[in-house]
Each structure stands twice: as C-alpha cells, then as structure tokens.
Amino acid sequence: MGKVERRKQILEEAARLFSARRFDEVLMDDIAQSAGVAKGTLYTYFADKEELYFAVVFEGISRLNQRVLEKASEQADPEKKLRTIVHAIVSFVAHNGIFFKLMSIEESKSGTGKSVNRERWREQRRIQLEAIESVLIAGQNAGHFSVRHPSVEAAILRDMVRSTVINAGGQLSVEEMVDVIVRIFIDGIRRPQALSIEAEPSELSL
C-alpha cells in the first residue's frame, strides 16, 4: 500500500472513531489498530492526535467547499444557482454522515479557541458562507431577491441545511429536502394570496 492510500485509510478509520466517541476518548492506539498500522506509523503522517483529528475535519469540509464552488459556477440564474448550492451541501452531508457529524461538532465550537486549526476551520466555514452570500447579493442586484442582511441570511440558509438533514434525513430524499429548504427560504410558508370568493360590495357593483 502506498503512502497516499495508507494516509486515506488512517483518515477514514480516525473519522469513524472520532464520530463515535468524544475526542478525549479516542486513543492513537485505537486508531492504529483500526487502521491496521503500527502506532509509530501514525506519527509519520500526523504530529499528534489533534493534528489527525483536524486533518479528518478539513478533509470533509474541503471536499464540500470544492463541490459548492464548482456547482455555483454552473448556473447563471440566481435562484437556480442558490438551489444548486443547497443541493450540493445537502447531497454531501446526506451521503457522508461521519464527516457531517464531525463538522456539526465543530459548528458547536466554532466561536471558541484561537489555535491555528480553529482559525483554519473558521476560514473554511467562511468559504461556504461567502459563496452563498455572493449568490444572494447577485440575486438582489438582479431584482430576484429581497436581501437585507446578506451575511446573516447566508448563515441562516446554511444552518437550515444542517437542521433539515438532522430532522428529516431519514424521511425525505435529497431532492425533497432541497425542495423544503429552498421553498421556505425563498417563498416562506405563507400561502399565496388567493382571490377571495366574497368580493366587496363596491367590487360587485363594478
């Protein structure tokens, strides 16, 4: 097995263990045994457990960000572009449960800590938010959207994805989850105003 394949195997096993237990409960011995390598081999790739943990986290969010940016460039229409971004995020997290769980853990700690790894996490997180924000602003400029607080609304949309996958991932397909998110975010849940059956007397006289 080459170095690239071995590193990938270590990351996959580490991801599985970190998603199943608290950080302090996972030992390097456990990861080595699960990956089928000597403990010393881990340290040829990663300086310590924290570096390995964040390598797992960054592997997931980097892949997700790459997909979001690629999909965003495929559409010109703001609404279609927004849906494409939402679909990219939903499909990724729906099919990568381990990475999604780890990223959710990091989300809960996103405002804490000042380490290099925490700052890098916040930077990766900003890539997603800025991609969504740019679509909202472009839609506003084109007259498609009414956006008042782009950065806040971008964060709300991204958090809607996480909430939807958590609450409906076992019930709805990816397409159905995307439909729910886009419908509520763009149109809201208010029913379209229908023409009243009972017209005003003044209208009847016309």
Protein backbone atom coordinates (compact mmCIF):
# COMPACT_ATOMS: atom_id res chain seq x y z
CA MET A 1 0.00 0.00 0.00
CA GLY A 2 1.37 3.42 -0.99
CA LYS A 3 1.63 6.42 1.32
CA VAL A 4 -1.40 8.16 -0.18
CA GLU A 5 -3.61 5.08 0.23
CA ARG A 6 -2.34 4.45 3.76
CA ARG A 7 -2.99 8.06 4.77
CA LYS A 8 -6.51 7.82 3.34
CA GLN A 9 -7.12 4.61 5.29
CA ILE A 10 -5.92 6.23 8.52
CA LEU A 11 -8.19 9.23 7.95
CA GLU A 12 -11.21 7.03 7.26
CA GLU A 13 -10.72 4.97 10.41
CA ALA A 14 -9.98 8.05 12.50
CA ALA A 15 -13.15 9.70 11.19
CA ARG A 16 -15.20 6.68 12.18
CA LEU A 17 -13.78 6.64 15.71
CA PHE A 18 -13.93 10.39 16.29
CA SER A 19 -17.57 10.48 15.18
CA ALA A 20 -18.47 7.67 17.58
CA ARG A 21 -16.68 8.91 20.70
CA ARG A 22 -15.58 12.12 22.36
CA PHE A 23 -12.18 13.43 21.32
CA ASP A 24 -10.58 12.56 24.66
CA GLU A 25 -11.93 9.01 24.49
CA VAL A 26 -10.18 8.20 21.21
CA LEU A 27 -6.62 6.96 21.61
CA MET A 28 -3.93 6.87 18.97
CA ASP A 29 -3.58 3.16 19.80
CA ASP A 30 -7.24 2.67 18.85
CA ILE A 31 -6.80 4.44 15.53
CA ALA A 32 -3.63 2.48 14.71
CA GLN A 33 -5.31 -0.82 15.50
CA SER A 34 -8.43 0.05 13.50
CA ALA A 35 -6.35 1.20 10.51
CA GLY A 36 -4.13 -1.87 10.71
CA VAL A 37 -0.88 0.06 11.13
CA ALA A 38 1.72 0.44 13.86
CA LYS A 39 1.21 3.33 16.25
CA GLY A 40 4.54 4.79 15.14
CA THR A 41 3.24 4.89 11.57
CA LEU A 42 0.56 7.38 12.62
CA TYR A 43 3.24 9.80 13.76
CA THR A 44 4.95 9.69 10.38
CA TYR A 45 1.80 11.30 8.98
CA PHE A 46 0.48 13.36 11.90
CA ALA A 47 2.33 15.04 14.75
CA ASP A 48 -0.34 14.26 17.36
CA LYS A 49 -3.99 13.35 17.85
CA GLU A 50 -5.22 16.91 17.40
CA GLU A 51 -3.49 17.23 14.04
CA LEU A 52 -5.02 13.93 12.95
CA TYR A 53 -8.46 15.00 14.15
CA PHE A 54 -8.37 18.26 12.22
CA ALA A 55 -6.98 16.50 9.15
CA VAL A 56 -10.19 14.45 9.21
CA VAL A 57 -12.37 17.53 9.66
CA PHE A 58 -10.58 19.50 6.93
CA GLU A 59 -10.77 16.56 4.55
CA GLY A 60 -14.56 16.70 4.80
CA ILE A 61 -15.13 20.44 4.68
CA SER A 62 -12.57 20.96 1.90
CA ARG A 63 -14.35 18.41 -0.28
CA LEU A 64 -17.67 20.05 0.48
CA ASN A 65 -16.41 23.55 -0.28
CA GLN A 66 -14.91 22.39 -3.57
CA ARG A 67 -18.24 20.90 -4.57
CA VAL A 68 -20.14 24.06 -3.57
CA LEU A 69 -17.85 26.32 -5.59
CA GLU A 70 -17.94 24.03 -8.62
CA LYS A 71 -21.72 23.77 -8.61
CA ALA A 72 -22.18 27.51 -8.07
CA SER A 73 -20.28 28.23 -11.28
CA GLU A 74 -22.62 26.03 -13.36
CA GLN A 75 -25.66 28.32 -13.18
CA ALA A 76 -26.26 31.96 -14.10
CA ASP A 77 -29.81 32.41 -12.79
CA PRO A 78 -29.59 33.39 -9.08
CA GLU A 79 -32.45 31.17 -7.94
CA LYS A 80 -31.13 28.14 -9.84
CA LYS A 81 -27.64 28.85 -8.52
CA LEU A 82 -28.96 29.02 -4.96
CA ARG A 83 -30.77 25.73 -5.38
CA THR A 84 -27.64 24.15 -6.88
CA ILE A 85 -25.57 25.21 -3.87
CA VAL A 86 -28.18 23.90 -1.44
CA HIS A 87 -28.34 20.63 -3.36
CA ALA A 88 -24.55 20.30 -3.26
CA ILE A 89 -24.46 20.75 0.52
CA VAL A 90 -27.48 18.52 1.23
CA SER A 91 -26.29 15.68 -1.01
CA PHE A 92 -22.81 15.80 0.51
CA VAL A 93 -23.88 15.71 4.13
CA ALA A 94 -26.61 13.15 3.43
CA HIS A 95 -24.08 10.74 1.92
CA ASN A 96 -21.17 11.50 4.24
CA GLY A 97 -22.70 11.02 7.67
CA ILE A 98 -19.39 10.67 9.50
CA PHE A 99 -17.99 13.93 8.15
CA PHE A 100 -21.32 15.63 8.76
CA LYS A 101 -21.28 14.56 12.40
CA LEU A 102 -17.73 15.82 12.89
CA MET A 103 -18.48 19.12 11.19
CA SER A 104 -21.57 19.51 13.36
CA ILE A 105 -19.39 19.03 16.43
CA GLU A 106 -17.06 21.75 15.18
CA GLU A 107 -20.02 24.02 14.45
CA SER A 108 -20.91 23.90 18.14
CA LYS A 109 -17.38 25.06 18.98
CA SER A 110 -16.90 27.49 16.08
CA GLY A 111 -16.66 30.56 18.31
CA THR A 112 -14.20 29.06 20.77
CA GLY A 113 -10.44 28.71 20.74
CA LYS A 114 -7.70 30.59 18.94
CA SER A 115 -5.47 27.79 17.70
CA VAL A 116 -4.21 27.60 14.13
CA ASN A 117 -6.58 24.71 13.49
CA ARG A 118 -9.60 26.58 14.87
CA GLU A 119 -8.79 29.58 12.72
CA ARG A 120 -8.39 27.38 9.67
CA TRP A 121 -11.78 25.82 10.45
CA ARG A 122 -13.37 29.27 10.62
CA GLU A 123 -11.72 30.16 7.31
CA GLN A 124 -13.12 27.04 5.62
CA ARG A 125 -16.53 27.83 7.09
CA ARG A 126 -16.36 31.36 5.68
CA ILE A 127 -15.79 29.97 2.17
CA GLN A 128 -19.25 28.38 2.25
CA LEU A 129 -20.93 31.43 3.72
CA GLU A 130 -19.30 33.80 1.24
CA ALA A 131 -20.35 31.59 -1.68
CA ILE A 132 -23.98 31.71 -0.50
CA GLU A 133 -23.76 35.41 0.30
CA SER A 134 -22.44 36.26 -3.17
CA VAL A 135 -25.44 34.48 -4.74
CA LEU A 136 -27.86 36.38 -2.52
CA ILE A 137 -26.26 39.72 -3.38
CA ALA A 138 -26.23 38.89 -7.11
CA GLY A 139 -29.92 37.97 -6.89
CA GLN A 140 -30.65 41.21 -5.07
CA ASN A 141 -28.85 43.23 -7.73
CA ALA A 142 -30.74 41.38 -10.48
CA GLY A 143 -34.08 42.04 -8.82
CA HIS A 144 -34.77 38.39 -7.94
CA PHE A 145 -34.29 38.56 -4.17
CA SER A 146 -35.01 41.00 -1.39
CA VAL A 147 -31.96 40.72 0.86
CA ARG A 148 -31.44 42.98 3.87
CA HIS A 149 -28.59 41.32 5.74
CA PRO A 150 -26.63 39.13 3.28
CA SER A 151 -24.16 37.62 5.75
CA VAL A 152 -26.85 36.83 8.31
CA GLU A 153 -29.23 35.39 5.73
CA ALA A 154 -26.45 33.29 4.19
CA ALA A 155 -25.72 31.81 7.63
CA ILE A 156 -29.43 31.13 8.17
CA LEU A 157 -29.69 29.27 4.85
CA ARG A 158 -26.63 27.16 5.61
CA ASP A 159 -27.97 26.33 9.07
CA MET A 160 -31.31 25.37 7.52
CA VAL A 161 -29.48 22.67 5.60
CA ARG A 162 -27.97 21.23 8.77
CA SER A 163 -31.31 21.34 10.60
CA THR A 164 -33.19 19.74 7.72
CA VAL A 165 -30.73 16.86 7.38
CA ILE A 166 -30.84 16.23 11.13
CA ASN A 167 -34.64 16.31 11.36
CA ALA A 168 -35.71 14.87 8.01
CA GLY A 169 -32.73 12.92 6.70
CA GLY A 170 -34.40 9.60 7.43
CA GLN A 171 -37.75 10.61 5.98
CA LEU A 172 -37.07 12.69 2.89
CA SER A 173 -34.86 12.18 -0.14
CA VAL A 174 -32.13 14.67 -1.05
CA GLU A 175 -34.39 16.29 -3.64
CA GLU A 176 -37.26 16.57 -1.16
CA MET A 177 -35.02 18.15 1.46
CA VAL A 178 -33.72 20.64 -1.10
CA ASP A 179 -37.32 21.47 -2.09
CA VAL A 180 -38.24 22.15 1.55
CA ILE A 181 -35.22 24.35 2.20
CA VAL A 182 -35.47 26.41 -0.99
CA ARG A 183 -39.25 26.81 -0.70
CA ILE A 184 -39.13 28.04 2.88
CA PHE A 185 -36.09 30.24 2.38
CA ILE A 186 -37.26 31.91 -0.83
CA ASP A 187 -41.06 31.81 -0.54
CA GLY A 188 -41.67 31.32 3.16
CA ILE A 189 -44.59 29.27 4.45
CA ARG A 190 -47.32 31.84 3.87
CA ARG A 191 -49.94 30.68 1.39
CA PRO A 192 -50.15 32.68 -1.86
CA GLN A 193 -52.92 35.22 -1.57
CA ALA A 194 -55.88 33.84 -3.49
CA LEU A 195 -58.71 35.84 -4.95
CA SER A 196 -61.41 36.00 -2.31
CA ILE A 197 -64.72 34.37 -3.24
CA GLU A 198 -66.61 37.02 -1.33
CA ALA A 199 -65.93 40.28 -3.11
CA GLU A 200 -66.60 43.61 -1.54
CA PRO A 201 -69.96 45.23 -2.49
CA SER A 202 -68.15 48.02 -4.27
CA GLU A 203 -66.33 45.48 -6.42
CA LEU A 204 -69.57 43.68 -7.28
CA SER A 205 -71.18 46.89 -8.45
CA LEU A 206 -68.38 47.32 -10.95
